[in-house]
C-alpha atoms as a PDB file:
ATOM      1  CA  MET A   1       0.000   0.000   0.000  1.00  0.00           C
ATOM      2  CA  ARG A   2       2.836   2.368   0.892  1.00  0.00           C
ATOM      3  CA  GLY A   3       4.449   1.735  -2.511  1.00  0.00           C
ATOM      4  CA  TRP A   4       1.179   2.501  -4.296  1.00  0.00           C
ATOM      5  CA  LEU A   5       0.847   5.807  -2.433  1.00  0.00           C
ATOM      6  CA  LEU A   6       4.442   6.708  -3.307  1.00  0.00           C
ATOM      7  CA  VAL A   7       3.822   5.963  -6.990  1.00  0.00           C
ATOM      8  CA  THR A   8       0.615   8.003  -6.981  1.00  0.00           C
ATOM      9  CA  ALA A   9       2.270  10.958  -5.262  1.00  0.00           C
ATOM     10  CA  ASN A  10       5.246  10.831  -7.615  1.00  0.00           C
ATOM     11  CA  LEU A  11       3.089  10.722 -10.729  1.00  0.00           C
ATOM     12  CA  CYS A  12       0.904  13.564  -9.547  1.00  0.00           C
ATOM     13  CA  LEU A  13       4.036  15.607  -8.860  1.00  0.00           C
ATOM     14  CA  ALA A  14       5.401  14.836 -12.313  1.00  0.00           C
ATOM     15  CA  LEU A  15       2.142  15.769 -13.996  1.00  0.00           C
ATOM     16  CA  VAL A  16       1.788  19.028 -12.123  1.00  0.00           C
ATOM     17  CA  VAL A  17       5.414  20.158 -12.326  1.00  0.00           C
ATOM     18  CA  SER A  18       6.463  18.956 -15.764  1.00  0.00           C
ATOM     19  CA  GLY A  19       3.170  18.615 -17.562  1.00  0.00           C
ATOM     20  CA  CYS A  20       4.868  15.783 -19.445  1.00  0.00           C
ATOM     21  CA  ALA A  21       6.478  18.227 -21.886  1.00  0.00           C
ATOM     22  CA  GLY A  22       9.921  19.284 -23.026  1.00  0.00           C
ATOM     23  CA  GLY A  23      13.231  17.476 -23.183  1.00  0.00           C
ATOM     24  CA  ARG A  24      11.802  14.082 -24.116  1.00  0.00           C
ATOM     25  CA  LYS A  25      13.469  13.438 -27.413  1.00  0.00           C
ATOM     26  CA  GLU A  26      17.027  13.630 -26.126  1.00  0.00           C
ATOM     27  CA  GLY A  27      16.228  11.527 -23.066  1.00  0.00           C
ATOM     28  CA  ALA A  28      14.483   8.923 -25.169  1.00  0.00           C
ATOM     29  CA  ARG A  29      17.642   8.153 -27.083  1.00  0.00           C
ATOM     30  CA  HIS A  30      19.460   7.075 -23.946  1.00  0.00           C
ATOM     31  CA  ALA A  31      16.835   4.986 -22.160  1.00  0.00           C
ATOM     32  CA  ALA A  32      19.058   1.910 -22.000  1.00  0.00           C
ATOM     33  CA  GLY A  33      21.444   3.695 -19.640  1.00  0.00           C
ATOM     34  CA  ARG A  34      18.870   4.413 -16.924  1.00  0.00           C
ATOM     35  CA  GLU A  35      19.459   3.149 -13.403  1.00  0.00           C
ATOM     36  CA  GLU A  36      17.427   0.126 -12.339  1.00  0.00           C
ATOM     37  CA  SER A  37      16.134   1.144  -8.908  1.00  0.00           C
ATOM     38  CA  ALA A  38      12.713   2.687  -8.350  1.00  0.00           C
ATOM     39  CA  PRO A  39      12.805   6.463  -7.964  1.00  0.00           C
ATOM     40  CA  ALA A  40      12.231   8.184  -4.623  1.00  0.00           C
ATOM     41  CA  ALA A  41      10.699  11.140  -6.467  1.00  0.00           C
ATOM     42  CA  LEU A  42      10.134  11.948 -10.100  1.00  0.00           C
ATOM     43  CA  PRO A  43      12.541  14.484 -11.560  1.00  0.00           C
ATOM     44  CA  THR A  44      10.714  17.324 -13.250  1.00  0.00           C
ATOM     45  CA  THR A  45      12.427  16.630 -16.574  1.00  0.00           C
ATOM     46  CA  THR A  46      11.256  13.015 -16.891  1.00  0.00           C
ATOM     47  CA  TYR A  47       8.057  11.491 -18.142  1.00  0.00           C
ATOM     48  CA  ALA A  48       5.590   9.314 -16.320  1.00  0.00           C
ATOM     49  CA  MET A  49       5.888   6.470 -18.858  1.00  0.00           C
ATOM     50  CA  ASP A  50       9.586   6.143 -18.075  1.00  0.00           C
ATOM     51  CA  TYR A  51       8.644   5.217 -14.527  1.00  0.00           C
ATOM     52  CA  VAL A  52       5.794   2.944 -15.572  1.00  0.00           C
ATOM     53  CA  LEU A  53       8.308   1.033 -17.706  1.00  0.00           C
ATOM     54  CA  LYS A  54      10.856   1.036 -14.891  1.00  0.00           C
ATOM     55  CA  TYR A  55       8.349  -0.410 -12.419  1.00  0.00           C
ATOM     56  CA  TRP A  56       7.257  -2.962 -15.003  1.00  0.00           C
ATOM     57  CA  GLY A  57      10.853  -3.967 -15.644  1.00  0.00           C
ATOM     58  CA  GLN A  58      11.381  -4.521 -11.919  1.00  0.00           C
ATOM     59  CA  GLY A  59       8.385  -6.841 -11.745  1.00  0.00           C
ATOM     60  CA  GLU A  60       6.264  -4.268  -9.906  1.00  0.00           C
ATOM     61  CA  TRP A  61       3.316  -4.841 -12.226  1.00  0.00           C
ATOM     62  CA  ASP A  62       0.597  -3.600  -9.886  1.00  0.00           C
ATOM     63  CA  GLU A  63       2.491  -0.332  -9.359  1.00  0.00           C
ATOM     64  CA  ALA A  64       2.919   0.102 -13.111  1.00  0.00           C
ATOM     65  CA  ILE A  65      -0.772  -0.589 -13.773  1.00  0.00           C
ATOM     66  CA  GLY A  66      -1.814   1.668 -10.895  1.00  0.00           C
ATOM     67  CA  ALA A  67       0.358   4.454 -12.266  1.00  0.00           C
ATOM     68  CA  LEU A  68      -1.281   4.182 -15.691  1.00  0.00           C
ATOM     69  CA  VAL A  69      -4.747   4.253 -14.141  1.00  0.00           C
ATOM     70  CA  GLU A  70      -3.733   7.394 -12.229  1.00  0.00           C
ATOM     71  CA  LEU A  71      -2.503   8.998 -15.456  1.00  0.00           C
ATOM     72  CA  THR A  72      -5.834   8.287 -17.106  1.00  0.00           C
ATOM     73  CA  GLU A  73      -7.859   9.566 -14.170  1.00  0.00           C
ATOM     74  CA  ALA A  74      -5.705  12.714 -14.044  1.00  0.00           C
ATOM     75  CA  GLY A  75      -6.342  13.433 -17.739  1.00  0.00           C
ATOM     76  CA  ALA A  76      -2.653  13.186 -18.670  1.00  0.00           C
ATOM     77  CA  THR A  77      -1.584  14.302 -22.129  1.00  0.00           C
ATOM     78  CA  ASP A  78      -0.663  11.824 -24.870  1.00  0.00           C
ATOM     79  CA  VAL A  79       3.073  12.299 -24.432  1.00  0.00           C
ATOM     80  CA  CYS A  80       2.834  10.967 -20.866  1.00  0.00           C
ATOM     81  CA  TYR A  81       1.967   7.523 -22.267  1.00  0.00           C
ATOM     82  CA  ARG A  82       4.707   7.370 -24.895  1.00  0.00           C
ATOM     83  CA  PRO A  83       7.916   5.454 -24.261  1.00  0.00           C
ATOM     84  CA  LEU A  84       9.536   7.281 -27.206  1.00  0.00           C
ATOM     85  CA  ASN A  85       8.442  10.577 -28.660  1.00  0.00           C
ATOM     86  CA  PHE A  86       9.662  10.612 -32.258  1.00  0.00           C
ATOM     87  CA  THR A  87       7.722  11.143 -35.451  1.00  0.00           C
ATOM     88  CA  GLU A  88       8.477   8.858 -38.380  1.00  0.00           C
ATOM     89  CA  GLN A  89      10.258  11.720 -40.151  1.00  0.00           C
ATOM     90  CA  GLU A  90      12.420  12.506 -37.116  1.00  0.00           C
ATOM     91  CA  PHE A  91      13.255   8.824 -36.727  1.00  0.00           C
ATOM     92  CA  LEU A  92      14.250   8.453 -40.385  1.00  0.00           C
ATOM     93  CA  ALA A  93      16.372  11.612 -40.213  1.00  0.00           C
ATOM     94  CA  LEU A  94      18.627  10.096 -37.534  1.00  0.00           C
ATOM     95  CA  PRO A  95      22.007   8.700 -38.566  1.00  0.00           C
ATOM     96  CA  TYR A  96      21.802   5.012 -39.447  1.00  0.00           C
ATOM     97  CA  ARG A  97      23.627   3.689 -36.343  1.00  0.00           C
ATOM     98  CA  GLU A  98      21.574   5.808 -33.971  1.00  0.00           C
ATOM     99  CA  ARG A  99      18.372   4.818 -35.763  1.00  0.00           C
ATOM    100  CA  GLU A 100      19.230   1.109 -35.528  1.00  0.00           C
ATOM    101  CA  GLY A 101      19.977   1.385 -31.809  1.00  0.00           C
ATOM    102  CA  LEU A 102      16.760   3.259 -31.261  1.00  0.00           C
ATOM    103  CA  ARG A 103      14.846   0.688 -33.323  1.00  0.00           C
ATOM    104  CA  GLU A 104      15.989  -2.070 -30.945  1.00  0.00           C
ATOM    105  CA  GLU A 105      14.929   0.005 -27.949  1.00  0.00           C
ATOM    106  CA  MET A 106      11.592   0.772 -29.609  1.00  0.00           C
ATOM    107  CA  LEU A 107      10.892  -2.902 -30.319  1.00  0.00           C
ATOM    108  CA  GLU A 108      11.588  -3.811 -26.702  1.00  0.00           C
ATOM    109  CA  GLN A 109       9.410  -1.008 -25.361  1.00  0.00           C
ATOM    110  CA  LEU A 110       6.579  -1.932 -27.727  1.00  0.00           C
ATOM    111  CA  ARG A 111       6.804  -5.527 -26.494  1.00  0.00           C
ATOM    112  CA  VAL A 112       6.405  -4.203 -22.955  1.00  0.00           C
ATOM    113  CA  LEU A 113       3.477  -1.964 -24.006  1.00  0.00           C
ATOM    114  CA  ARG A 114       1.722  -5.048 -25.375  1.00  0.00           C
ATOM    115  CA  GLU A 115       2.398  -6.880 -22.091  1.00  0.00           C
ATOM    116  CA  ILE A 116       1.000  -3.941 -20.124  1.00  0.00           C
ATOM    117  CA  ALA A 117      -2.106  -3.883 -22.327  1.00  0.00           C
ATOM    118  CA  SER A 118      -2.594  -7.611 -21.720  1.00  0.00           C
ATOM    119  CA  LYS A 119      -2.237  -7.111 -17.970  1.00  0.00           C
ATOM    120  CA  LEU A 120      -4.805  -4.287 -18.079  1.00  0.00           C
ATOM    121  CA  GLN A 121      -7.144  -6.609 -19.971  1.00  0.00           C
ATOM    122  CA  ASP A 122      -6.568  -9.373 -17.382  1.00  0.00           C
ATOM    123  CA  LYS A 123      -7.265  -6.953 -14.528  1.00  0.00           C
ATOM    124  CA  ALA A 124     -10.463  -5.843 -16.262  1.00  0.00           C
ATOM    125  CA  GLN A 125     -11.567  -9.469 -16.652  1.00  0.00           C
ATOM    126  CA  GLU A 126     -10.826 -10.200 -12.975  1.00  0.00           C
ATOM    127  CA  ALA A 127     -12.869  -7.168 -11.947  1.00  0.00           C
ATOM    128  CA  ALA A 128     -15.752  -8.123 -14.249  1.00  0.00           C
ATOM    129  CA  ASP A 129     -15.721 -11.722 -12.993  1.00  0.00           C
ATOM    130  CA  SER A 130     -16.064 -10.445  -9.416  1.00  0.00           C
ATOM    131  CA  GLY A 131     -18.997  -8.207 -10.439  1.00  0.00           C
ATOM    132  CA  ASP A 132     -17.042  -4.938 -10.406  1.00  0.00           C
ATOM    133  CA  LEU A 133     -18.039  -3.594 -13.815  1.00  0.00           C
ATOM    134  CA  GLU A 134     -16.931  -0.077 -12.906  1.00  0.00           C
ATOM    135  CA  GLY A 135     -13.454  -1.350 -12.042  1.00  0.00           C
ATOM    136  CA  ALA A 136     -13.342  -3.395 -15.246  1.00  0.00           C
ATOM    137  CA  ALA A 137     -14.274  -0.323 -17.275  1.00  0.00           C
ATOM    138  CA  LYS A 138     -11.555   1.690 -15.516  1.00  0.00           C
ATOM    139  CA  PHE A 139      -8.861  -0.779 -16.600  1.00  0.00           C
ATOM    140  CA  LEU A 140     -10.195  -0.973 -20.152  1.00  0.00           C
ATOM    141  CA  LYS A 141     -10.391   2.826 -20.444  1.00  0.00           C
ATOM    142  CA  THR A 142      -6.771   3.004 -19.289  1.00  0.00           C
ATOM    143  CA  MET A 143      -5.872   0.418 -21.930  1.00  0.00           C
ATOM    144  CA  LYS A 144      -7.731   2.415 -24.568  1.00  0.00           C
ATOM    145  CA  ARG A 145      -5.941   5.612 -23.510  1.00  0.00           C
ATOM    146  CA  LEU A 146      -2.577   3.844 -23.742  1.00  0.00           C
ATOM    147  CA  GLY A 147      -3.413   2.837 -27.315  1.00  0.00           C
ATOM    148  CA  GLU A 148      -4.829   6.229 -28.321  1.00  0.00           C
ATOM    149  CA  SER A 149      -1.776   8.065 -27.039  1.00  0.00           C
ATOM    150  CA  ASN A 150       0.578   5.940 -29.092  1.00  0.00           C
ATOM    151  CA  ARG A 151      -1.106   6.697 -32.416  1.00  0.00           C
ATOM    152  CA  GLY A 152      -1.037   9.366 -35.071  1.00  0.00           C
ATOM    153  CA  PRO A 153       1.557  11.456 -36.859  1.00  0.00           C
ATOM    154  CA  GLU A 154       3.393  12.291 -33.601  1.00  0.00           C
ATOM    155  CA  VAL A 155       4.794   8.737 -33.366  1.00  0.00           C
ATOM    156  CA  THR A 156       6.606   6.345 -35.685  1.00  0.00           C
ATOM    157  CA  LEU A 157       4.620   4.055 -37.970  1.00  0.00           C
ATOM    158  CA  LEU A 158       5.494   0.995 -35.891  1.00  0.00           C
ATOM    159  CA  VAL A 159       4.345   2.659 -32.661  1.00  0.00           C
ATOM    160  CA  ASP A 160       1.168   3.749 -34.459  1.00  0.00           C
ATOM    161  CA  LEU A 161       0.400   0.157 -35.471  1.00  0.00           C
ATOM    162  CA  VAL A 162       0.837  -1.121 -31.927  1.00  0.00           C
ATOM    163  CA  GLY A 163      -1.232   1.776 -30.550  1.00  0.00           C
ATOM    164  CA  LYS A 164      -4.061   0.985 -32.975  1.00  0.00           C
ATOM    165  CA  ALA A 165      -4.025  -2.685 -31.999  1.00  0.00           C
ATOM    166  CA  ILE A 166      -4.158  -1.865 -28.276  1.00  0.00           C
ATOM    167  CA  GLU A 167      -6.969   0.643 -28.777  1.00  0.00           C
ATOM    168  CA  ARG A 168      -8.965  -1.758 -30.953  1.00  0.00           C
ATOM    169  CA  ARG A 169      -8.634  -4.544 -28.382  1.00  0.00           C
ATOM    170  CA  ALA A 170      -9.769  -2.194 -25.597  1.00  0.00           C
ATOM    171  CA  ASP A 171     -12.761  -1.046 -27.657  1.00  0.00           C
ATOM    172  CA  GLU A 172     -13.789  -4.667 -28.320  1.00  0.00           C
ATOM    173  CA  LYS A 173     -13.602  -5.526 -24.603  1.00  0.00           C
ATOM    174  CA  LEU A 174     -15.458  -2.362 -23.608  1.00  0.00           C
ATOM    175  CA  ALA A 175     -18.232  -3.236 -26.058  1.00  0.00           C
ATOM    176  CA  THR A 176     -18.663  -6.718 -24.558  1.00  0.00           C
ATOM    177  CA  LEU A 177     -18.556  -5.281 -21.044  1.00  0.00           C
ATOM    178  CA  ARG A 178     -21.496  -2.981 -21.815  1.00  0.00           C
ATOM    179  CA  ARG A 179     -23.693  -5.837 -23.051  1.00  0.00           C
END
């Protein structure tokens, strides 16, 4: 419980102070060099998704899912949900070696995004099975928001495809939940 409160407080601080804007593109190129321990407080120059991915990577799945739900409930901007913030044109304009390194990082982070979406779907199913339709809808809306935020011309084509798939899956589950 204490960990959940720390995550919530940290994300709220990040959203209020940084607004999930500025400085992302440079930081995104060096994600592999991040430290592995959970942060005591979110720096104002970092994005919420960085910490969601960090918690996920440490096996703290409930904290990662809880953080995403908090982002959704707080009305976070699209960039807060993006592991990398490059357009296709910006990505293609990078030197070949840098682009290839970033492609590997992107593929790994997209794999994790798909895992997170599956976990959100599982949590929604658990909630629905226990009769908590409101809780199920909350997880599916978070999943939909994760997909929506990783779509469009502001992201690479590969990220857009994964975002569309996540959003479509969330929409399908939401539709069956409402029946």
